[in-house]
Amino acid sequence: MNYVKIYVRAVCEFSSDGGIKPLNIEWVDGRKFAIDRVKFVERKPCLSGGVLPRRYTVIMGGQQKYLYYEKEKERWFVEKEFL
């Protein structure tokens, strides 16, 4: 399977200890999705390759999803499978 990065806009909360907590994301077509909860934050490779981003395991709409943060470029993305 092949995956592509879809860059998204994220609204985040920053803690005094330097932590970042995403609150919602905005899809490329303008739709917004609230993040109900952040379960885990870890350095994990993404399926689409590239740098080693921070992977946020989040709950959105009752479903577990992965949201990635590229610290070097300060960008958020999700992955989408394509044929």
N, C-alpha and C. Protein backbone atom coordinates (compact mmCIF):
# COMPACT_ATOMS: atom_id res chain seq x y z
N MET A 1 0.83 -1.18 0.00
CA MET A 1 0.00 0.00 0.00
C MET A 1 0.87 1.25 0.00
N ASN A 2 0.40 2.27 -0.65
CA ASN A 2 1.12 3.54 -0.71
C ASN A 2 0.35 4.59 0.08
N TYR A 3 1.10 5.45 0.73
CA TYR A 3 0.50 6.51 1.53
C TYR A 3 1.10 7.86 1.14
N VAL A 4 0.27 8.89 1.26
CA VAL A 4 0.73 10.25 1.02
C VAL A 4 0.45 11.08 2.26
N LYS A 5 1.26 12.12 2.42
CA LYS A 5 1.04 13.06 3.53
C LYS A 5 0.03 14.09 3.08
N ILE A 6 -0.96 14.34 3.92
CA ILE A 6 -1.92 15.41 3.71
C ILE A 6 -1.66 16.43 4.82
N TYR A 7 -1.13 17.58 4.46
CA TYR A 7 -0.82 18.60 5.46
C TYR A 7 -2.11 19.29 5.89
N VAL A 8 -2.25 19.48 7.18
CA VAL A 8 -3.46 20.06 7.77
C VAL A 8 -3.08 21.21 8.69
N ARG A 9 -4.05 22.05 8.92
CA ARG A 9 -3.88 23.13 9.89
C ARG A 9 -4.33 22.62 11.24
N ALA A 10 -3.61 22.94 12.29
CA ALA A 10 -3.97 22.48 13.64
C ALA A 10 -4.01 23.65 14.61
N VAL A 11 -5.02 23.64 15.47
CA VAL A 11 -5.08 24.59 16.58
C VAL A 11 -4.57 23.83 17.80
N CYS A 12 -3.60 24.41 18.48
CA CYS A 12 -2.92 23.71 19.58
C CYS A 12 -2.89 24.53 20.85
N GLU A 13 -2.68 23.81 21.95
CA GLU A 13 -2.47 24.42 23.25
C GLU A 13 -1.02 24.11 23.64
N PHE A 14 -0.32 25.13 24.12
CA PHE A 14 1.08 24.96 24.50
C PHE A 14 1.19 25.06 26.02
N SER A 15 1.85 24.09 26.63
CA SER A 15 2.00 24.10 28.08
C SER A 15 3.29 24.82 28.47
N SER A 16 3.40 25.17 29.73
CA SER A 16 4.59 25.88 30.22
C SER A 16 5.85 25.02 30.17
N ASP A 17 5.69 23.69 30.09
CA ASP A 17 6.86 22.82 30.01
C ASP A 17 7.26 22.50 28.57
N GLY A 18 6.61 23.17 27.60
CA GLY A 18 6.97 22.98 26.19
C GLY A 18 6.15 21.96 25.45
N GLY A 19 5.18 21.35 26.10
CA GLY A 19 4.34 20.36 25.44
C GLY A 19 3.36 21.01 24.48
N ILE A 20 2.98 20.25 23.46
CA ILE A 20 2.02 20.71 22.46
C ILE A 20 0.84 19.75 22.48
N LYS A 21 -0.38 20.30 22.61
CA LYS A 21 -1.58 19.48 22.60
C LYS A 21 -2.49 19.98 21.49
N PRO A 22 -2.65 19.18 20.40
CA PRO A 22 -3.56 19.61 19.34
C PRO A 22 -5.01 19.53 19.83
N LEU A 23 -5.79 20.57 19.50
CA LEU A 23 -7.19 20.64 19.92
C LEU A 23 -8.15 20.32 18.77
N ASN A 24 -7.79 20.74 17.56
CA ASN A 24 -8.59 20.40 16.39
C ASN A 24 -7.73 20.55 15.14
N ILE A 25 -8.20 19.95 14.05
CA ILE A 25 -7.51 20.08 12.78
C ILE A 25 -8.49 20.61 11.74
N GLU A 26 -7.93 21.27 10.74
CA GLU A 26 -8.73 21.75 9.62
C GLU A 26 -8.24 21.06 8.36
N TRP A 27 -9.14 20.35 7.71
CA TRP A 27 -8.82 19.61 6.49
C TRP A 27 -8.60 20.58 5.35
N VAL A 28 -8.01 20.14 4.26
CA VAL A 28 -7.68 21.01 3.14
C VAL A 28 -8.91 21.68 2.51
N ASP A 29 -10.08 21.07 2.65
CA ASP A 29 -11.30 21.66 2.08
C ASP A 29 -12.03 22.57 3.07
N GLY A 30 -11.42 22.81 4.24
CA GLY A 30 -12.00 23.73 5.22
C GLY A 30 -12.80 23.08 6.33
N ARG A 31 -13.09 21.79 6.22
CA ARG A 31 -13.82 21.10 7.30
C ARG A 31 -12.94 21.02 8.54
N LYS A 32 -13.56 21.20 9.70
CA LYS A 32 -12.83 21.16 10.97
C LYS A 32 -13.27 19.95 11.78
N PHE A 33 -12.30 19.35 12.45
CA PHE A 33 -12.54 18.16 13.26
C PHE A 33 -11.93 18.35 14.64
N ALA A 34 -12.74 18.20 15.66
CA ALA A 34 -12.27 18.34 17.05
C ALA A 34 -11.53 17.08 17.47
N ILE A 35 -10.48 17.27 18.25
CA ILE A 35 -9.74 16.16 18.85
C ILE A 35 -10.27 16.01 20.26
N ASP A 36 -10.91 14.87 20.51
CA ASP A 36 -11.52 14.62 21.81
C ASP A 36 -10.48 14.35 22.89
N ARG A 37 -9.41 13.64 22.48
CA ARG A 37 -8.41 13.25 23.48
C ARG A 37 -7.12 12.86 22.78
N VAL A 38 -5.99 13.18 23.40
CA VAL A 38 -4.69 12.70 22.95
C VAL A 38 -4.32 11.53 23.85
N LYS A 39 -4.14 10.35 23.25
CA LYS A 39 -3.80 9.15 24.01
C LYS A 39 -2.30 9.00 24.23
N PHE A 40 -1.53 9.15 23.17
CA PHE A 40 -0.08 8.94 23.23
C PHE A 40 0.63 9.95 22.34
N VAL A 41 1.87 10.25 22.70
CA VAL A 41 2.76 11.02 21.84
C VAL A 41 4.08 10.27 21.83
N GLU A 42 4.56 9.94 20.64
CA GLU A 42 5.80 9.18 20.53
C GLU A 42 6.48 9.47 19.19
N ARG A 43 7.77 9.20 19.12
CA ARG A 43 8.49 9.33 17.85
C ARG A 43 8.31 8.01 17.11
N LYS A 44 7.60 8.08 15.99
CA LYS A 44 7.34 6.88 15.19
C LYS A 44 7.47 7.22 13.72
N PRO A 45 8.01 6.30 12.94
CA PRO A 45 8.06 6.55 11.50
C PRO A 45 6.65 6.54 10.91
N CYS A 46 6.47 7.31 9.86
CA CYS A 46 5.18 7.31 9.17
C CYS A 46 5.28 6.38 7.97
N LEU A 47 4.16 5.96 7.45
CA LEU A 47 4.13 5.02 6.35
C LEU A 47 4.53 5.65 5.02
N SER A 48 4.44 6.97 4.94
CA SER A 48 4.77 7.68 3.70
C SER A 48 6.25 8.05 3.60
N GLY A 49 7.05 7.71 4.61
CA GLY A 49 8.48 7.96 4.59
C GLY A 49 8.84 9.37 5.02
N GLY A 50 10.13 9.67 4.95
CA GLY A 50 10.60 11.01 5.32
C GLY A 50 11.21 11.02 6.70
N VAL A 51 11.18 12.20 7.32
CA VAL A 51 11.78 12.38 8.64
C VAL A 51 11.00 11.61 9.71
N LEU A 52 11.61 11.48 10.87
CA LEU A 52 10.96 10.79 11.99
C LEU A 52 10.13 11.80 12.77
N PRO A 53 8.82 11.84 12.53
CA PRO A 53 7.98 12.85 13.19
C PRO A 53 7.49 12.39 14.56
N ARG A 54 6.86 13.30 15.28
CA ARG A 54 6.12 12.93 16.49
C ARG A 54 4.77 12.43 16.03
N ARG A 55 4.39 11.27 16.51
CA ARG A 55 3.07 10.73 16.17
C ARG A 55 2.16 10.88 17.37
N TYR A 56 1.06 11.57 17.16
CA TYR A 56 0.02 11.75 18.18
C TYR A 56 -1.08 10.75 17.88
N THR A 57 -1.35 9.88 18.83
CA THR A 57 -2.50 8.99 18.73
C THR A 57 -3.65 9.73 19.37
N VAL A 58 -4.66 10.07 18.57
CA VAL A 58 -5.75 10.90 19.05
C VAL A 58 -7.09 10.20 18.85
N ILE A 59 -8.08 10.66 19.61
CA ILE A 59 -9.46 10.21 19.44
C ILE A 59 -10.23 11.37 18.83
N MET A 60 -10.83 11.11 17.67
CA MET A 60 -11.63 12.11 16.96
C MET A 60 -12.95 11.44 16.55
N GLY A 61 -14.06 11.98 17.02
CA GLY A 61 -15.35 11.40 16.67
C GLY A 61 -15.49 9.96 17.11
N GLY A 62 -14.87 9.61 18.23
CA GLY A 62 -14.95 8.24 18.75
C GLY A 62 -14.01 7.26 18.07
N GLN A 63 -13.18 7.71 17.12
CA GLN A 63 -12.27 6.83 16.41
C GLN A 63 -10.82 7.21 16.67
N GLN A 64 -9.98 6.20 16.75
CA GLN A 64 -8.55 6.45 16.95
C GLN A 64 -7.91 6.80 15.60
N LYS A 65 -7.14 7.88 15.59
CA LYS A 65 -6.45 8.33 14.37
C LYS A 65 -5.02 8.71 14.73
N TYR A 66 -4.18 8.86 13.71
CA TYR A 66 -2.81 9.31 13.91
C TYR A 66 -2.64 10.68 13.28
N LEU A 67 -2.02 11.58 14.03
CA LEU A 67 -1.71 12.92 13.58
C LEU A 67 -0.21 13.10 13.80
N TYR A 68 0.49 13.57 12.80
CA TYR A 68 1.94 13.68 12.86
C TYR A 68 2.37 15.14 12.88
N TYR A 69 3.48 15.39 13.59
CA TYR A 69 4.06 16.73 13.65
C TYR A 69 5.52 16.66 13.24
N GLU A 70 5.86 17.39 12.17
CA GLU A 70 7.25 17.51 11.72
C GLU A 70 7.85 18.74 12.41
N LYS A 71 8.62 18.51 13.43
CA LYS A 71 9.18 19.62 14.22
C LYS A 71 10.11 20.49 13.36
N GLU A 72 10.88 19.88 12.50
CA GLU A 72 11.85 20.62 11.69
C GLU A 72 11.16 21.63 10.78
N LYS A 73 9.99 21.28 10.24
CA LYS A 73 9.26 22.16 9.33
C LYS A 73 8.06 22.82 10.00
N GLU A 74 7.80 22.45 11.27
CA GLU A 74 6.67 22.96 12.03
C GLU A 74 5.36 22.81 11.26
N ARG A 75 5.11 21.56 10.80
CA ARG A 75 3.90 21.26 10.04
C ARG A 75 3.24 19.99 10.58
N TRP A 76 1.92 19.98 10.49
CA TRP A 76 1.11 18.83 10.89
C TRP A 76 0.62 18.11 9.64
N PHE A 77 0.53 16.77 9.73
CA PHE A 77 -0.05 16.03 8.62
C PHE A 77 -0.72 14.75 9.10
N VAL A 78 -1.59 14.25 8.24
CA VAL A 78 -2.19 12.93 8.40
C VAL A 78 -1.79 12.14 7.16
N GLU A 79 -1.93 10.83 7.23
CA GLU A 79 -1.60 10.01 6.08
C GLU A 79 -2.87 9.46 5.45
N LYS A 80 -2.83 9.37 4.14
CA LYS A 80 -3.97 8.83 3.40
C LYS A 80 -3.46 7.78 2.43
N GLU A 81 -4.15 6.66 2.40
CA GLU A 81 -3.79 5.59 1.48
C GLU A 81 -4.27 5.95 0.08
N PHE A 82 -3.44 5.64 -0.91
CA PHE A 82 -3.88 5.83 -2.28
C PHE A 82 -3.45 4.62 -3.10
N LEU A 83 -4.15 4.42 -4.21
CA LEU A 83 -3.87 3.25 -5.06
C LEU A 83 -2.85 3.55 -6.12
